[in-house]
Amino acid sequence: MTKLTEEQKRDFEAAAFRKLVAHLRERTDVQNIDLMNLAGFCRNCLSNWYRDAASAAGLEMSKDESREIVYGMPYAEWQARYQREASDAQKAAFEANRPKDH
């Protein structure tokens, strides 16, 4: 395996995160509940992790601010434009596999 410097790791991880966020912004057809049911995380999780990282670095950020970074717009706007009502099957799958922190 290629030996990476800490700076390279940070830069590559940041690039991968940016690509993931861009991909999720384009895939508005994929609902958060779908992500949770299949992968155990969603856009809100990413925004929480982002906010946690900012807080660990001494920068306080609101939930709304971190969500806007991930969604590319205010969360309420994203919900109004793209969020659909979850089906009974989606809700049941979520409850069956619900992570402890959701």
PDB file of N, CA and C in Angstrom:
ATOM      1  N   MET A   1       0.836  -1.180   0.000  1.00  0.00           N
ATOM      2  CA  MET A   1       0.000   0.000   0.000  1.00  0.00           C
ATOM      3  C   MET A   1       0.886   1.250   0.000  1.00  0.00           C
ATOM      4  N   THR A   2       0.448   2.246  -0.712  1.00  0.00           N
ATOM      5  CA  THR A   2       1.175   3.510  -0.778  1.00  0.00           C
ATOM      6  C   THR A   2       1.157   4.194   0.579  1.00  0.00           C
ATOM      7  N   LYS A   3       2.311   4.641   1.008  1.00  0.00           N
ATOM      8  CA  LYS A   3       2.411   5.371   2.281  1.00  0.00           C
ATOM      9  C   LYS A   3       2.000   6.819   2.037  1.00  0.00           C
ATOM     10  N   LEU A   4       0.990   7.252   2.766  1.00  0.00           N
ATOM     11  CA  LEU A   4       0.494   8.619   2.625  1.00  0.00           C
ATOM     12  C   LEU A   4       0.902   9.450   3.826  1.00  0.00           C
ATOM     13  N   THR A   5       1.157  10.710   3.564  1.00  0.00           N
ATOM     14  CA  THR A   5       1.388  11.632   4.671  1.00  0.00           C
ATOM     15  C   THR A   5       0.040  11.967   5.305  1.00  0.00           C
ATOM     16  N   GLU A   6       0.080  12.507   6.492  1.00  0.00           N
ATOM     17  CA  GLU A   6      -1.166  12.918   7.148  1.00  0.00           C
ATOM     18  C   GLU A   6      -1.889  13.980   6.324  1.00  0.00           C
ATOM     19  N   GLU A   7      -1.134  14.887   5.716  1.00  0.00           N
ATOM     20  CA  GLU A   7      -1.742  15.909   4.862  1.00  0.00           C
ATOM     21  C   GLU A   7      -2.429  15.284   3.661  1.00  0.00           C
ATOM     22  N   GLN A   8      -1.777  14.311   3.021  1.00  0.00           N
ATOM     23  CA  GLN A   8      -2.389  13.636   1.881  1.00  0.00           C
ATOM     24  C   GLN A   8      -3.676  12.922   2.295  1.00  0.00           C
ATOM     25  N   LYS A   9      -3.627  12.209   3.410  1.00  0.00           N
ATOM     26  CA  LYS A   9      -4.833  11.528   3.886  1.00  0.00           C
ATOM     27  C   LYS A   9      -5.967  12.529   4.092  1.00  0.00           C
ATOM     28  N   ARG A  10      -5.653  13.632   4.787  1.00  0.00           N
ATOM     29  CA  ARG A  10      -6.672  14.654   5.034  1.00  0.00           C
ATOM     30  C   ARG A  10      -7.227  15.201   3.724  1.00  0.00           C
ATOM     31  N   ASP A  11      -6.348  15.522   2.786  1.00  0.00           N
ATOM     32  CA  ASP A  11      -6.781  16.091   1.515  1.00  0.00           C
ATOM     33  C   ASP A  11      -7.626  15.105   0.711  1.00  0.00           C
ATOM     34  N   PHE A  12      -7.233  13.837   0.680  1.00  0.00           N
ATOM     35  CA  PHE A  12      -7.973  12.830  -0.076  1.00  0.00           C
ATOM     36  C   PHE A  12      -9.318  12.536   0.584  1.00  0.00           C
ATOM     37  N   GLU A  13      -9.335  12.483   1.916  1.00  0.00           N
ATOM     38  CA  GLU A  13     -10.589  12.275   2.630  1.00  0.00           C
ATOM     39  C   GLU A  13     -11.546  13.436   2.387  1.00  0.00           C
ATOM     40  N   ALA A  14     -11.014  14.649   2.405  1.00  0.00           N
ATOM     41  CA  ALA A  14     -11.839  15.831   2.154  1.00  0.00           C
ATOM     42  C   ALA A  14     -12.393  15.811   0.733  1.00  0.00           C
ATOM     43  N   ALA A  15     -11.575  15.411  -0.227  1.00  0.00           N
ATOM     44  CA  ALA A  15     -12.034  15.335  -1.620  1.00  0.00           C
ATOM     45  C   ALA A  15     -13.125  14.283  -1.769  1.00  0.00           C
ATOM     46  N   ALA A  16     -12.957  13.141  -1.112  1.00  0.00           N
ATOM     47  CA  ALA A  16     -13.972  12.087  -1.167  1.00  0.00           C
ATOM     48  C   ALA A  16     -15.275  12.566  -0.522  1.00  0.00           C
ATOM     49  N   PHE A  17     -15.173  13.282   0.597  1.00  0.00           N
ATOM     50  CA  PHE A  17     -16.364  13.829   1.252  1.00  0.00           C
ATOM     51  C   PHE A  17     -17.079  14.807   0.324  1.00  0.00           C
ATOM     52  N   ARG A  18     -16.318  15.700  -0.306  1.00  0.00           N
ATOM     53  CA  ARG A  18     -16.931  16.676  -1.219  1.00  0.00           C
ATOM     54  C   ARG A  18     -17.632  15.971  -2.369  1.00  0.00           C
ATOM     55  N   LYS A  19     -17.019  14.922  -2.897  1.00  0.00           N
ATOM     56  CA  LYS A  19     -17.626  14.154  -3.991  1.00  0.00           C
ATOM     57  C   LYS A  19     -18.911  13.473  -3.521  1.00  0.00           C
ATOM     58  N   LEU A  20     -18.898  12.890  -2.326  1.00  0.00           N
ATOM     59  CA  LEU A  20     -20.092  12.257  -1.774  1.00  0.00           C
ATOM     60  C   LEU A  20     -21.215  13.276  -1.613  1.00  0.00           C
ATOM     61  N   VAL A  21     -20.911  14.432  -1.050  1.00  0.00           N
ATOM     62  CA  VAL A  21     -21.926  15.467  -0.856  1.00  0.00           C
ATOM     63  C   VAL A  21     -22.471  15.928  -2.207  1.00  0.00           C
ATOM     64  N   ALA A  22     -21.616  16.147  -3.185  1.00  0.00           N
ATOM     65  CA  ALA A  22     -22.068  16.559  -4.516  1.00  0.00           C
ATOM     66  C   ALA A  22     -22.971  15.488  -5.128  1.00  0.00           C
ATOM     67  N   HIS A  23     -22.582  14.241  -4.969  1.00  0.00           N
ATOM     68  CA  HIS A  23     -23.381  13.129  -5.494  1.00  0.00           C
ATOM     69  C   HIS A  23     -24.766  13.105  -4.845  1.00  0.00           C
ATOM     70  N   LEU A  24     -24.822  13.247  -3.525  1.00  0.00           N
ATOM     71  CA  LEU A  24     -26.104  13.241  -2.833  1.00  0.00           C
ATOM     72  C   LEU A  24     -26.959  14.448  -3.201  1.00  0.00           C
ATOM     73  N   ARG A  25     -26.336  15.585  -3.477  1.00  0.00           N
ATOM     74  CA  ARG A  25     -27.097  16.759  -3.919  1.00  0.00           C
ATOM     75  C   ARG A  25     -27.746  16.502  -5.274  1.00  0.00           C
ATOM     76  N   GLU A  26     -27.050  15.773  -6.140  1.00  0.00           N
ATOM     77  CA  GLU A  26     -27.603  15.450  -7.463  1.00  0.00           C
ATOM     78  C   GLU A  26     -28.689  14.387  -7.373  1.00  0.00           C
ATOM     79  N   ARG A  27     -28.565  13.472  -6.430  1.00  0.00           N
ATOM     80  CA  ARG A  27     -29.492  12.349  -6.313  1.00  0.00           C
ATOM     81  C   ARG A  27     -30.625  12.669  -5.338  1.00  0.00           C
ATOM     82  N   THR A  28     -31.387  13.706  -5.669  1.00  0.00           N
ATOM     83  CA  THR A  28     -32.500  14.104  -4.814  1.00  0.00           C
ATOM     84  C   THR A  28     -33.607  13.052  -4.809  1.00  0.00           C
ATOM     85  N   ASP A  29     -33.560  12.122  -5.770  1.00  0.00           N
ATOM     86  CA  ASP A  29     -34.541  11.044  -5.799  1.00  0.00           C
ATOM     87  C   ASP A  29     -34.308  10.033  -4.679  1.00  0.00           C
ATOM     88  N   VAL A  30     -33.092   9.989  -4.155  1.00  0.00           N
ATOM     89  CA  VAL A  30     -32.772   9.068  -3.066  1.00  0.00           C
ATOM     90  C   VAL A  30     -33.130   9.751  -1.750  1.00  0.00           C
ATOM     91  N   GLN A  31     -34.090   9.184  -1.079  1.00  0.00           N
ATOM     92  CA  GLN A  31     -34.579   9.750   0.169  1.00  0.00           C
ATOM     93  C   GLN A  31     -33.659   9.358   1.327  1.00  0.00           C
ATOM     94  N   ASN A  32     -33.663  10.172   2.365  1.00  0.00           N
ATOM     95  CA  ASN A  32     -32.850   9.870   3.539  1.00  0.00           C
ATOM     96  C   ASN A  32     -33.217   8.523   4.154  1.00  0.00           C
ATOM     97  N   ILE A  33     -34.496   8.193   4.164  1.00  0.00           N
ATOM     98  CA  ILE A  33     -34.902   6.916   4.748  1.00  0.00           C
ATOM     99  C   ILE A  33     -34.326   5.751   3.942  1.00  0.00           C
ATOM    100  N   ASP A  34     -34.203   5.933   2.614  1.00  0.00           N
ATOM    101  CA  ASP A  34     -33.577   4.895   1.785  1.00  0.00           C
ATOM    102  C   ASP A  34     -32.117   4.715   2.183  1.00  0.00           C
ATOM    103  N   LEU A  35     -31.416   5.828   2.355  1.00  0.00           N
ATOM    104  CA  LEU A  35     -30.019   5.766   2.783  1.00  0.00           C
ATOM    105  C   LEU A  35     -29.901   5.092   4.140  1.00  0.00           C
ATOM    106  N   MET A  36     -30.759   5.466   5.073  1.00  0.00           N
ATOM    107  CA  MET A  36     -30.711   4.870   6.407  1.00  0.00           C
ATOM    108  C   MET A  36     -30.969   3.372   6.345  1.00  0.00           C
ATOM    109  N   ASN A  37     -31.963   2.979   5.566  1.00  0.00           N
ATOM    110  CA  ASN A  37     -32.324   1.562   5.499  1.00  0.00           C
ATOM    111  C   ASN A  37     -31.243   0.719   4.827  1.00  0.00           C
ATOM    112  N   LEU A  38     -30.541   1.296   3.879  1.00  0.00           N
ATOM    113  CA  LEU A  38     -29.520   0.537   3.151  1.00  0.00           C
ATOM    114  C   LEU A  38     -28.116   0.674   3.735  1.00  0.00           C
ATOM    115  N   ALA A  39     -27.799   1.868   4.235  1.00  0.00           N
ATOM    116  CA  ALA A  39     -26.414   2.127   4.640  1.00  0.00           C
ATOM    117  C   ALA A  39     -26.249   2.494   6.109  1.00  0.00           C
ATOM    118  N   GLY A  40     -27.342   2.793   6.784  1.00  0.00           N
ATOM    119  CA  GLY A  40     -27.244   3.137   8.194  1.00  0.00           C
ATOM    120  C   GLY A  40     -26.826   4.574   8.462  1.00  0.00           C
ATOM    121  N   PHE A  41     -26.827   5.418   7.430  1.00  0.00           N
ATOM    122  CA  PHE A  41     -26.555   6.844   7.602  1.00  0.00           C
ATOM    123  C   PHE A  41     -27.298   7.597   6.503  1.00  0.00           C
ATOM    124  N   CYS A  42     -27.434   8.905   6.705  1.00  0.00           N
ATOM    125  CA  CYS A  42     -28.126   9.731   5.708  1.00  0.00           C
ATOM    126  C   CYS A  42     -27.478  11.109   5.648  1.00  0.00           C
ATOM    127  N   ARG A  43     -28.089  11.993   4.886  1.00  0.00           N
ATOM    128  CA  ARG A  43     -27.567  13.356   4.762  1.00  0.00           C
ATOM    129  C   ARG A  43     -27.509  14.050   6.123  1.00  0.00           C
ATOM    130  N   ASN A  44     -28.518  13.809   6.958  1.00  0.00           N
ATOM    131  CA  ASN A  44     -28.519  14.432   8.284  1.00  0.00           C
ATOM    132  C   ASN A  44     -27.361  13.926   9.125  1.00  0.00           C
ATOM    133  N   CYS A  45     -27.042  12.639   9.009  1.00  0.00           N
ATOM    134  CA  CYS A  45     -25.886  12.098   9.724  1.00  0.00           C
ATOM    135  C   CYS A  45     -24.617  12.816   9.277  1.00  0.00           C
ATOM    136  N   LEU A  46     -24.449  12.969   7.972  1.00  0.00           N
ATOM    137  CA  LEU A  46     -23.262  13.663   7.460  1.00  0.00           C
ATOM    138  C   LEU A  46     -23.180  15.080   8.021  1.00  0.00           C
ATOM    139  N   SER A  47     -24.315  15.761   8.056  1.00  0.00           N
ATOM    140  CA  SER A  47     -24.291  17.132   8.580  1.00  0.00           C
ATOM    141  C   SER A  47     -23.972  17.146  10.068  1.00  0.00           C
ATOM    142  N   ASN A  48     -24.454  16.143  10.803  1.00  0.00           N
ATOM    143  CA  ASN A  48     -24.118  16.056  12.234  1.00  0.00           C
ATOM    144  C   ASN A  48     -22.632  15.782  12.427  1.00  0.00           C
ATOM    145  N   TRP A  49     -22.062  14.902  11.625  1.00  0.00           N
ATOM    146  CA  TRP A  49     -20.628  14.597  11.725  1.00  0.00           C
ATOM    147  C   TRP A  49     -19.798  15.835  11.379  1.00  0.00           C
ATOM    148  N   TYR A  50     -20.252  16.588  10.392  1.00  0.00           N
ATOM    149  CA  TYR A  50     -19.572  17.825  10.006  1.00  0.00           C
ATOM    150  C   TYR A  50     -19.596  18.812  11.178  1.00  0.00           C
ATOM    151  N   ARG A  51     -20.779  18.968  11.774  1.00  0.00           N
ATOM    152  CA  ARG A  51     -20.926  19.887  12.918  1.00  0.00           C
ATOM    153  C   ARG A  51     -20.078  19.429  14.094  1.00  0.00           C
ATOM    154  N   ASP A  52     -20.021  18.115  14.329  1.00  0.00           N
ATOM    155  CA  ASP A  52     -19.179  17.576  15.402  1.00  0.00           C
ATOM    156  C   ASP A  52     -17.700  17.904  15.163  1.00  0.00           C
ATOM    157  N   ALA A  53     -17.255  17.785  13.906  1.00  0.00           N
ATOM    158  CA  ALA A  53     -15.862  18.091  13.576  1.00  0.00           C
ATOM    159  C   ALA A  53     -15.574  19.577  13.795  1.00  0.00           C
ATOM    160  N   ALA A  54     -16.521  20.431  13.403  1.00  0.00           N
ATOM    161  CA  ALA A  54     -16.346  21.863  13.614  1.00  0.00           C
ATOM    162  C   ALA A  54     -16.255  22.168  15.112  1.00  0.00           C
ATOM    163  N   SER A  55     -17.137  21.542  15.883  1.00  0.00           N
ATOM    164  CA  SER A  55     -17.137  21.749  17.329  1.00  0.00           C
ATOM    165  C   SER A  55     -15.825  21.282  17.954  1.00  0.00           C
ATOM    166  N   ALA A  56     -15.310  20.140  17.496  1.00  0.00           N
ATOM    167  CA  ALA A  56     -14.039  19.624  18.023  1.00  0.00           C
ATOM    168  C   ALA A  56     -12.893  20.574  17.717  1.00  0.00           C
ATOM    169  N   ALA A  57     -13.033  21.355  16.638  1.00  0.00           N
ATOM    170  CA  ALA A  57     -12.003  22.324  16.277  1.00  0.00           C
ATOM    171  C   ALA A  57     -12.251  23.685  16.923  1.00  0.00           C
ATOM    172  N   GLY A  58     -13.285  23.761  17.780  1.00  0.00           N
ATOM    173  CA  GLY A  58     -13.551  25.008  18.487  1.00  0.00           C
ATOM    174  C   GLY A  58     -14.498  25.960  17.787  1.00  0.00           C
ATOM    175  N   LEU A  59     -15.175  25.507  16.744  1.00  0.00           N
ATOM    176  CA  LEU A  59     -16.109  26.354  16.002  1.00  0.00           C
ATOM    177  C   LEU A  59     -17.521  25.830  16.212  1.00  0.00           C
ATOM    178  N   GLU A  60     -18.330  26.624  16.853  1.00  0.00           N
ATOM    179  CA  GLU A  60     -19.723  26.211  17.061  1.00  0.00           C
ATOM    180  C   GLU A  60     -20.521  26.484  15.796  1.00  0.00           C
ATOM    181  N   MET A  61     -21.340  25.510  15.427  1.00  0.00           N
ATOM    182  CA  MET A  61     -22.135  25.590  14.210  1.00  0.00           C
ATOM    183  C   MET A  61     -23.515  25.037  14.540  1.00  0.00           C
ATOM    184  N   SER A  62     -24.539  25.683  14.049  1.00  0.00           N
ATOM    185  CA  SER A  62     -25.891  25.205  14.312  1.00  0.00           C
ATOM    186  C   SER A  62     -26.220  24.020  13.402  1.00  0.00           C
ATOM    187  N   LYS A  63     -27.250  23.275  13.790  1.00  0.00           N
ATOM    188  CA  LYS A  63     -27.717  22.168  12.969  1.00  0.00           C
ATOM    189  C   LYS A  63     -28.145  22.683  11.588  1.00  0.00           C
ATOM    190  N   ASP A  64     -28.823  23.831  11.565  1.00  0.00           N
ATOM    191  CA  ASP A  64     -29.259  24.400  10.284  1.00  0.00           C
ATOM    192  C   ASP A  64     -28.064  24.753   9.394  1.00  0.00           C
ATOM    193  N   GLU A  65     -27.013  25.299   9.998  1.00  0.00           N
ATOM    194  CA  GLU A  65     -25.822  25.662   9.216  1.00  0.00           C
ATOM    195  C   GLU A  65     -25.152  24.422   8.624  1.00  0.00           C
ATOM    196  N   SER A  66     -24.994  23.388   9.420  1.00  0.00           N
ATOM    197  CA  SER A  66     -24.329  22.191   8.900  1.00  0.00           C
ATOM    198  C   SER A  66     -25.198  21.474   7.878  1.00  0.00           C
ATOM    199  N   ARG A  67     -26.493  21.491   8.069  1.00  0.00           N
ATOM    200  CA  ARG A  67     -27.378  20.866   7.074  1.00  0.00           C
ATOM    201  C   ARG A  67     -27.325  21.617   5.750  1.00  0.00           C
ATOM    202  N   GLU A  68     -27.257  22.933   5.805  1.00  0.00           N
ATOM    203  CA  GLU A  68     -27.182  23.702   4.556  1.00  0.00           C
ATOM    204  C   GLU A  68     -25.900  23.378   3.790  1.00  0.00           C
ATOM    205  N   ILE A  69     -24.819  23.105   4.506  1.00  0.00           N
ATOM    206  CA  ILE A  69     -23.568  22.721   3.849  1.00  0.00           C
ATOM    207  C   ILE A  69     -23.740  21.402   3.106  1.00  0.00           C
ATOM    208  N   VAL A  70     -24.410  20.445   3.722  1.00  0.00           N
ATOM    209  CA  VAL A  70     -24.591  19.132   3.096  1.00  0.00           C
ATOM    210  C   VAL A  70     -25.666  19.168   2.011  1.00  0.00           C
ATOM    211  N   TYR A  71     -26.784  19.810   2.282  1.00  0.00           N
ATOM    212  CA  TYR A  71     -27.895  19.822   1.326  1.00  0.00           C
ATOM    213  C   TYR A  71     -27.702  20.823   0.192  1.00  0.00           C
ATOM    214  N   GLY A  72     -26.857  21.825   0.406  1.00  0.00           N
ATOM    215  CA  GLY A  72     -26.659  22.842  -0.624  1.00  0.00           C
ATOM    216  C   GLY A  72     -27.753  23.891  -0.642  1.00  0.00           C
ATOM    217  N   MET A  73     -28.606  23.868   0.349  1.00  0.00           N
ATOM    218  CA  MET A  73     -29.713  24.819   0.499  1.00  0.00           C
ATOM    219  C   MET A  73     -30.267  24.628   1.906  1.00  0.00           C
ATOM    220  N   PRO A  74     -31.082  25.554   2.371  1.00  0.00           N
ATOM    221  CA  PRO A  74     -31.693  25.339   3.683  1.00  0.00           C
ATOM    222  C   PRO A  74     -32.479  24.017   3.691  1.00  0.00           C
ATOM    223  N   TYR A  75     -32.407  23.313   4.806  1.00  0.00           N
ATOM    224  CA  TYR A  75     -33.047  22.005   4.925  1.00  0.00           C
ATOM    225  C   TYR A  75     -34.536  22.069   4.626  1.00  0.00           C
ATOM    226  N   ALA A  76     -35.221  23.092   5.131  1.00  0.00           N
ATOM    227  CA  ALA A  76     -36.666  23.226   4.896  1.00  0.00           C
ATOM    228  C   ALA A  76     -36.966  23.341   3.403  1.00  0.00           C
ATOM    229  N   GLU A  77     -36.095  24.021   2.679  1.00  0.00           N
ATOM    230  CA  GLU A  77     -36.280  24.147   1.233  1.00  0.00           C
ATOM    231  C   GLU A  77     -36.098  22.786   0.552  1.00  0.00           C
ATOM    232  N   TRP A  78     -35.069  22.037   0.968  1.00  0.00           N
ATOM    233  CA  TRP A  78     -34.839  20.710   0.395  1.00  0.00           C
ATOM    234  C   TRP A  78     -36.047  19.812   0.672  1.00  0.00           C
ATOM    235  N   GLN A  79     -36.547  19.855   1.895  1.00  0.00           N
ATOM    236  CA  GLN A  79     -37.709  19.035   2.244  1.00  0.00           C
ATOM    237  C   GLN A  79     -38.904  19.387   1.361  1.00  0.00           C
ATOM    238  N   ALA A  80     -39.171  20.668   1.195  1.00  0.00           N
ATOM    239  CA  ALA A  80     -40.320  21.101   0.393  1.00  0.00           C
ATOM    240  C   ALA A  80     -40.175  20.680  -1.067  1.00  0.00           C
ATOM    241  N   ARG A  81     -38.965  20.732  -1.586  1.00  0.00           N
ATOM    242  CA  ARG A  81     -38.734  20.386  -2.996  1.00  0.00           C
ATOM    243  C   ARG A  81     -38.692  18.881  -3.255  1.00  0.00           C
ATOM    244  N   TYR A  82     -38.028  18.138  -2.367  1.00  0.00           N
ATOM    245  CA  TYR A  82     -37.656  16.769  -2.716  1.00  0.00           C
ATOM    246  C   TYR A  82     -38.153  15.667  -1.785  1.00  0.00           C
ATOM    247  N   GLN A  83     -38.470  15.978  -0.543  1.00  0.00           N
ATOM    248  CA  GLN A  83     -38.815  14.903   0.385  1.00  0.00           C
ATOM    249  C   GLN A  83     -40.217  14.383   0.118  1.00  0.00           C
ATOM    250  N   ARG A  84     -40.317  13.055   0.049  1.00  0.00           N
ATOM    251  CA  ARG A  84     -41.605  12.399  -0.127  1.00  0.00           C
ATOM    252  C   ARG A  84     -41.984  11.689   1.165  1.00  0.00           C
ATOM    253  N   GLU A  85     -43.251  11.441   1.320  1.00  0.00           N
ATOM    254  CA  GLU A  85     -43.725  10.673   2.475  1.00  0.00           C
ATOM    255  C   GLU A  85     -43.186   9.254   2.368  1.00  0.00           C
ATOM    256  N   ALA A  86     -42.632   8.760   3.450  1.00  0.00           N
ATOM    257  CA  ALA A  86     -42.099   7.395   3.471  1.00  0.00           C
ATOM    258  C   ALA A  86     -43.251   6.395   3.429  1.00  0.00           C
ATOM    259  N   SER A  87     -43.018   5.315   2.722  1.00  0.00           N
ATOM    260  CA  SER A  87     -44.024   4.259   2.658  1.00  0.00           C
ATOM    261  C   SER A  87     -44.046   3.484   3.966  1.00  0.00           C
ATOM    262  N   ASP A  88     -45.104   2.716   4.171  1.00  0.00           N
ATOM    263  CA  ASP A  88     -45.183   1.885   5.370  1.00  0.00           C
ATOM    264  C   ASP A  88     -44.031   0.895   5.411  1.00  0.00           C
ATOM    265  N   ALA A  89     -43.649   0.348   4.261  1.00  0.00           N
ATOM    266  CA  ALA A  89     -42.532  -0.605   4.205  1.00  0.00           C
ATOM    267  C   ALA A  89     -41.217   0.071   4.576  1.00  0.00           C
ATOM    268  N   GLN A  90     -40.989   1.298   4.099  1.00  0.00           N
ATOM    269  CA  GLN A  90     -39.777   2.039   4.445  1.00  0.00           C
ATOM    270  C   GLN A  90     -39.732   2.326   5.942  1.00  0.00           C
ATOM    271  N   LYS A  91     -40.859   2.736   6.499  1.00  0.00           N
ATOM    272  CA  LYS A  91     -40.925   3.032   7.931  1.00  0.00           C
ATOM    273  C   LYS A  91     -40.669   1.779   8.759  1.00  0.00           C
ATOM    274  N   ALA A  92     -41.249   0.658   8.350  1.00  0.00           N
ATOM    275  CA  ALA A  92     -41.058  -0.594   9.084  1.00  0.00           C
ATOM    276  C   ALA A  92     -39.598  -1.030   9.030  1.00  0.00           C
ATOM    277  N   ALA A  93     -38.970  -0.905   7.858  1.00  0.00           N
ATOM    278  CA  ALA A  93     -37.554  -1.272   7.724  1.00  0.00           C
ATOM    279  C   ALA A  93     -36.691  -0.370   8.591  1.00  0.00           C
ATOM    280  N   PHE A  94     -37.020   0.909   8.642  1.00  0.00           N
ATOM    281  CA  PHE A  94     -36.255   1.845   9.470  1.00  0.00           C
ATOM    282  C   PHE A  94     -36.371   1.469  10.946  1.00  0.00           C
ATOM    283  N   GLU A  95     -37.571   1.189  11.394  1.00  0.00           N
ATOM    284  CA  GLU A  95     -37.765   0.841  12.805  1.00  0.00           C
ATOM    285  C   GLU A  95     -37.050  -0.459  13.156  1.00  0.00           C
ATOM    286  N   ALA A  96     -37.041  -1.405  12.235  1.00  0.00           N
ATOM    287  CA  ALA A  96     -36.390  -2.687  12.494  1.00  0.00           C
ATOM    288  C   ALA A  96     -34.876  -2.563  12.590  1.00  0.00           C
ATOM    289  N   ASN A  97     -34.317  -1.612  11.866  1.00  0.00           N
ATOM    290  CA  ASN A  97     -32.855  -1.454  11.804  1.00  0.00           C
ATOM    291  C   ASN A  97     -32.386  -0.138  12.390  1.00  0.00           C
ATOM    292  N   ARG A  98     -33.229   0.546  13.095  1.00  0.00           N
ATOM    293  CA  ARG A  98     -32.940   1.905  13.576  1.00  0.00           C
ATOM    294  C   ARG A  98     -31.688   1.930  14.449  1.00  0.00           C
ATOM    295  N   PRO A  99     -30.718   2.788  14.064  1.00  0.00           N
ATOM    296  CA  PRO A  99     -29.537   2.976  14.922  1.00  0.00           C
ATOM    297  C   PRO A  99     -29.953   3.612  16.244  1.00  0.00           C
ATOM    298  N   LYS A 100     -29.179   3.390  17.271  1.00  0.00           N
ATOM    299  CA  LYS A 100     -29.505   3.903  18.601  1.00  0.00           C
ATOM    300  C   LYS A 100     -29.567   5.423  18.655  1.00  0.00           C
ATOM    301  N   ASP A 101     -28.835   6.121  17.775  1.00  0.00           N
ATOM    302  CA  ASP A 101     -28.787   7.585  17.852  1.00  0.00           C
ATOM    303  C   ASP A 101     -29.784   8.271  16.928  1.00  0.00           C
ATOM    304  N   HIS A 102     -30.798   7.544  16.451  1.00  0.00           N
ATOM    305  CA  HIS A 102     -31.824   8.171  15.599  1.00  0.00           C
ATOM    306  C   HIS A 102     -33.190   8.030  16.192  1.00  0.00           C
TER     307      HIS A 102
END
